[in-house]
Amino acid sequence: GHEEAVEEFQELLEEKVKDATLSWSEARSLIRKDQRYQHASDELSRSEREELYKERVDDMLGGIEKRMIATLDKMDGVTWHSSWDSVWKKLEREKRGKEFGQLSSRSRERSFKRWQAEKLKAATELLAAALAEIPEVALAADPQSKVVPEEVKELEAYKALAPAGEERDEAFWGA
């Protein structure tokens, strides 16, 4: 029946379509000769088959994005304050550009920006946790002067946020 045809067509797509940059017509030419395609054609409308293909592409792109994020986490010298251009060049040098190139350039950069924001948030949370360990610092600091006490400036979590500039001090005053 219909559900069986959907499952069979999804299996066919999973087995044969490995490149998320293929158009629906390119993918269709890859799978047309397979018996499962013929069966799906009998049971599913053209728009249903195309929609299932789009879902397959979305799944593949989601997986590629997850692998890109995992790769960013492991890359030496890539931090929350790295520039996207330098990171992309590094990915290409490490021969990962082709795999991640299946994502649109806009998608890659957007994923990087989200990754970057998560890393910055984690770094500011580390600073907040470090500040919680020395509560007297907050009392000794004068919020009006916006001068960060030397004891805070010595914290590794504070130093790690140096590229954030004013955001780092705001994290201190907001803590």
Protein backbone atom coordinates (compact mmCIF):
# COMPACT_ATOMS: atom_id res chain seq x y z
CA GLY A 1 0.00 0.00 0.00
CA HIS A 2 0.85 3.65 0.28
CA GLU A 3 2.91 3.46 3.51
CA GLU A 4 4.93 0.58 2.13
CA ALA A 5 5.66 2.58 -1.03
CA VAL A 6 6.78 5.56 1.07
CA GLU A 7 9.14 3.39 3.13
CA GLU A 8 10.50 1.66 0.04
CA PHE A 9 11.08 4.99 -1.71
CA GLN A 10 12.83 6.44 1.37
CA GLU A 11 15.13 3.39 1.47
CA LEU A 12 15.89 3.86 -2.22
CA LEU A 13 16.76 7.51 -1.69
CA GLU A 14 18.91 6.72 1.33
CA GLU A 15 20.77 4.03 -0.59
CA LYS A 16 21.31 5.88 -3.87
CA VAL A 17 21.29 9.63 -3.17
CA LYS A 18 24.48 10.64 -1.35
CA ASP A 19 24.94 14.18 -2.70
CA ALA A 20 22.66 16.87 -1.27
CA THR A 21 23.49 19.23 -4.14
CA LEU A 22 21.67 17.10 -6.72
CA SER A 23 18.47 18.54 -8.10
CA TRP A 24 15.35 16.41 -8.01
CA SER A 25 15.66 15.67 -11.75
CA GLU A 26 19.32 14.63 -11.36
CA ALA A 27 18.44 12.36 -8.44
CA ARG A 28 15.48 10.94 -10.34
CA SER A 29 17.73 9.95 -13.24
CA LEU A 30 19.93 8.05 -10.74
CA ILE A 31 17.07 6.04 -9.27
CA ARG A 32 14.69 5.67 -12.22
CA LYS A 33 15.91 2.25 -13.28
CA ASP A 34 15.44 0.74 -9.83
CA GLN A 35 12.33 -1.41 -9.35
CA ARG A 36 11.52 0.44 -6.13
CA TYR A 37 11.18 3.65 -8.14
CA GLN A 38 8.70 1.96 -10.47
CA HIS A 39 6.68 0.72 -7.50
CA ALA A 40 6.76 4.18 -5.91
CA SER A 41 5.62 5.73 -9.20
CA ASP A 42 2.56 3.49 -9.14
CA GLU A 43 1.66 4.32 -5.54
CA LEU A 44 2.95 7.88 -4.98
CA SER A 45 2.22 11.06 -6.86
CA ARG A 46 5.04 12.99 -8.46
CA SER A 47 4.75 15.70 -5.79
CA GLU A 48 4.90 13.08 -3.00
CA ARG A 49 8.08 11.59 -4.48
CA GLU A 50 9.62 15.04 -4.82
CA GLU A 51 8.65 15.92 -1.25
CA LEU A 52 10.27 12.71 0.04
CA TYR A 53 13.39 13.65 -1.92
CA LYS A 54 13.42 17.12 -0.29
CA GLU A 55 13.13 15.49 3.14
CA ARG A 56 16.11 13.26 2.27
CA VAL A 57 18.16 16.30 1.25
CA ASP A 58 17.20 18.12 4.47
CA ASP A 59 18.27 15.06 6.51
CA MET A 60 21.60 14.90 4.68
CA LEU A 61 22.23 18.63 5.13
CA GLY A 62 21.39 18.38 8.83
CA GLY A 63 23.92 15.57 9.19
CA ILE A 64 26.54 17.56 7.30
CA GLU A 65 25.92 20.56 9.55
CA LYS A 66 26.32 18.39 12.66
CA ARG A 67 29.60 16.99 11.31
CA MET A 68 30.80 20.51 10.56
CA ILE A 69 30.03 21.63 14.13
CA ALA A 70 31.80 18.54 15.52
CA THR A 71 34.78 19.32 13.27
CA LEU A 72 34.90 22.94 14.49
CA ASP A 73 34.96 21.66 18.08
CA LYS A 74 38.05 19.56 17.32
CA MET A 75 40.01 22.00 15.15
CA ASP A 76 43.19 23.47 16.61
CA GLY A 77 43.26 27.24 16.60
CA VAL A 78 39.55 27.70 15.90
CA THR A 79 37.84 29.60 18.69
CA TRP A 80 34.70 31.62 19.23
CA HIS A 81 36.56 34.72 18.05
CA SER A 82 37.96 33.23 14.82
CA SER A 83 36.78 34.77 11.56
CA TRP A 84 34.57 32.70 9.28
CA ASP A 85 36.86 33.33 6.29
CA SER A 86 39.91 31.98 8.09
CA VAL A 87 37.98 28.96 9.38
CA TRP A 88 36.61 28.13 5.93
CA LYS A 89 40.10 28.37 4.40
CA LYS A 90 41.37 26.02 7.10
CA LEU A 91 38.53 23.56 6.41
CA GLU A 92 39.40 23.62 2.71
CA ARG A 93 43.10 23.02 3.47
CA GLU A 94 42.11 20.06 5.62
CA LYS A 95 40.10 18.69 2.68
CA ARG A 96 36.78 19.12 4.51
CA GLY A 97 35.57 21.87 2.21
CA LYS A 98 34.07 19.49 -0.32
CA GLU A 99 31.96 17.67 2.27
CA PHE A 100 30.74 20.86 3.90
CA GLY A 101 30.42 22.52 0.48
CA GLN A 102 27.13 20.67 0.07
CA LEU A 103 25.74 23.25 2.49
CA SER A 104 25.15 26.64 0.91
CA SER A 105 27.75 29.24 1.80
CA ARG A 106 25.07 31.13 3.72
CA SER A 107 24.15 27.97 5.64
CA ARG A 108 27.78 27.21 6.49
CA GLU A 109 28.37 30.71 7.78
CA ARG A 110 25.10 30.74 9.75
CA SER A 111 26.06 27.41 11.37
CA PHE A 112 29.48 28.82 12.23
CA LYS A 113 27.90 31.94 13.77
CA ARG A 114 25.61 29.77 15.93
CA TRP A 115 28.61 27.65 16.98
CA GLN A 116 30.53 30.84 17.75
CA ALA A 117 27.69 32.24 19.87
CA GLU A 118 27.46 28.97 21.84
CA LYS A 119 31.21 29.04 22.53
CA LEU A 120 31.09 32.68 23.64
CA LYS A 121 28.15 31.91 25.91
CA ALA A 122 30.07 28.98 27.42
CA ALA A 123 33.10 31.23 27.99
CA THR A 124 31.00 33.90 29.73
CA GLU A 125 29.37 31.20 31.86
CA LEU A 126 32.85 30.04 32.90
CA LEU A 127 33.65 33.59 33.92
CA ALA A 128 30.40 33.83 35.90
CA ALA A 129 31.23 30.55 37.67
CA ALA A 130 34.76 31.76 38.45
CA LEU A 131 33.37 35.02 39.82
CA ALA A 132 30.96 33.12 42.03
CA GLU A 133 34.00 31.54 43.69
CA ILE A 134 35.17 34.97 44.88
CA PRO A 135 32.06 36.83 46.01
CA GLU A 136 34.00 39.54 47.82
CA VAL A 137 35.32 40.76 44.47
CA ALA A 138 31.91 41.91 43.35
CA LEU A 139 31.50 43.80 46.61
CA ALA A 140 34.94 45.42 46.36
CA ALA A 141 34.38 46.56 42.77
CA ASP A 142 32.79 49.93 42.15
CA PRO A 143 30.09 49.50 39.48
CA GLN A 144 30.08 53.26 38.83
CA SER A 145 33.77 53.32 37.87
CA LYS A 146 33.47 50.24 35.62
CA VAL A 147 37.01 49.33 36.67
CA VAL A 148 37.47 45.59 36.85
CA PRO A 149 39.42 44.53 39.96
CA GLU A 150 42.92 43.09 39.41
CA GLU A 151 41.91 39.82 41.08
CA VAL A 152 39.27 39.32 38.38
CA LYS A 153 41.70 40.26 35.60
CA GLU A 154 43.94 37.38 36.75
CA LEU A 155 41.20 34.77 36.25
CA GLU A 156 41.84 32.51 33.24
CA ALA A 157 38.15 32.72 32.36
CA TYR A 158 38.43 36.52 32.22
CA LYS A 159 41.61 36.37 30.11
CA ALA A 160 39.98 33.90 27.72
CA LEU A 161 37.33 36.49 26.97
CA ALA A 162 39.87 39.20 26.02
CA PRO A 163 38.81 39.21 22.34
CA ALA A 164 35.26 40.07 23.44
CA GLY A 165 36.44 43.47 24.71
CA GLU A 166 33.60 45.38 26.31
CA GLU A 167 31.32 42.33 26.26
CA ARG A 168 33.71 40.68 28.73
CA ASP A 169 33.48 43.58 31.15
CA GLU A 170 29.70 43.62 30.73
CA ALA A 171 29.72 39.94 31.67
CA PHE A 172 31.64 40.88 34.82
CA TRP A 173 29.32 43.74 35.75
CA GLY A 174 26.26 41.69 34.92
CA ALA A 175 27.40 38.78 37.09
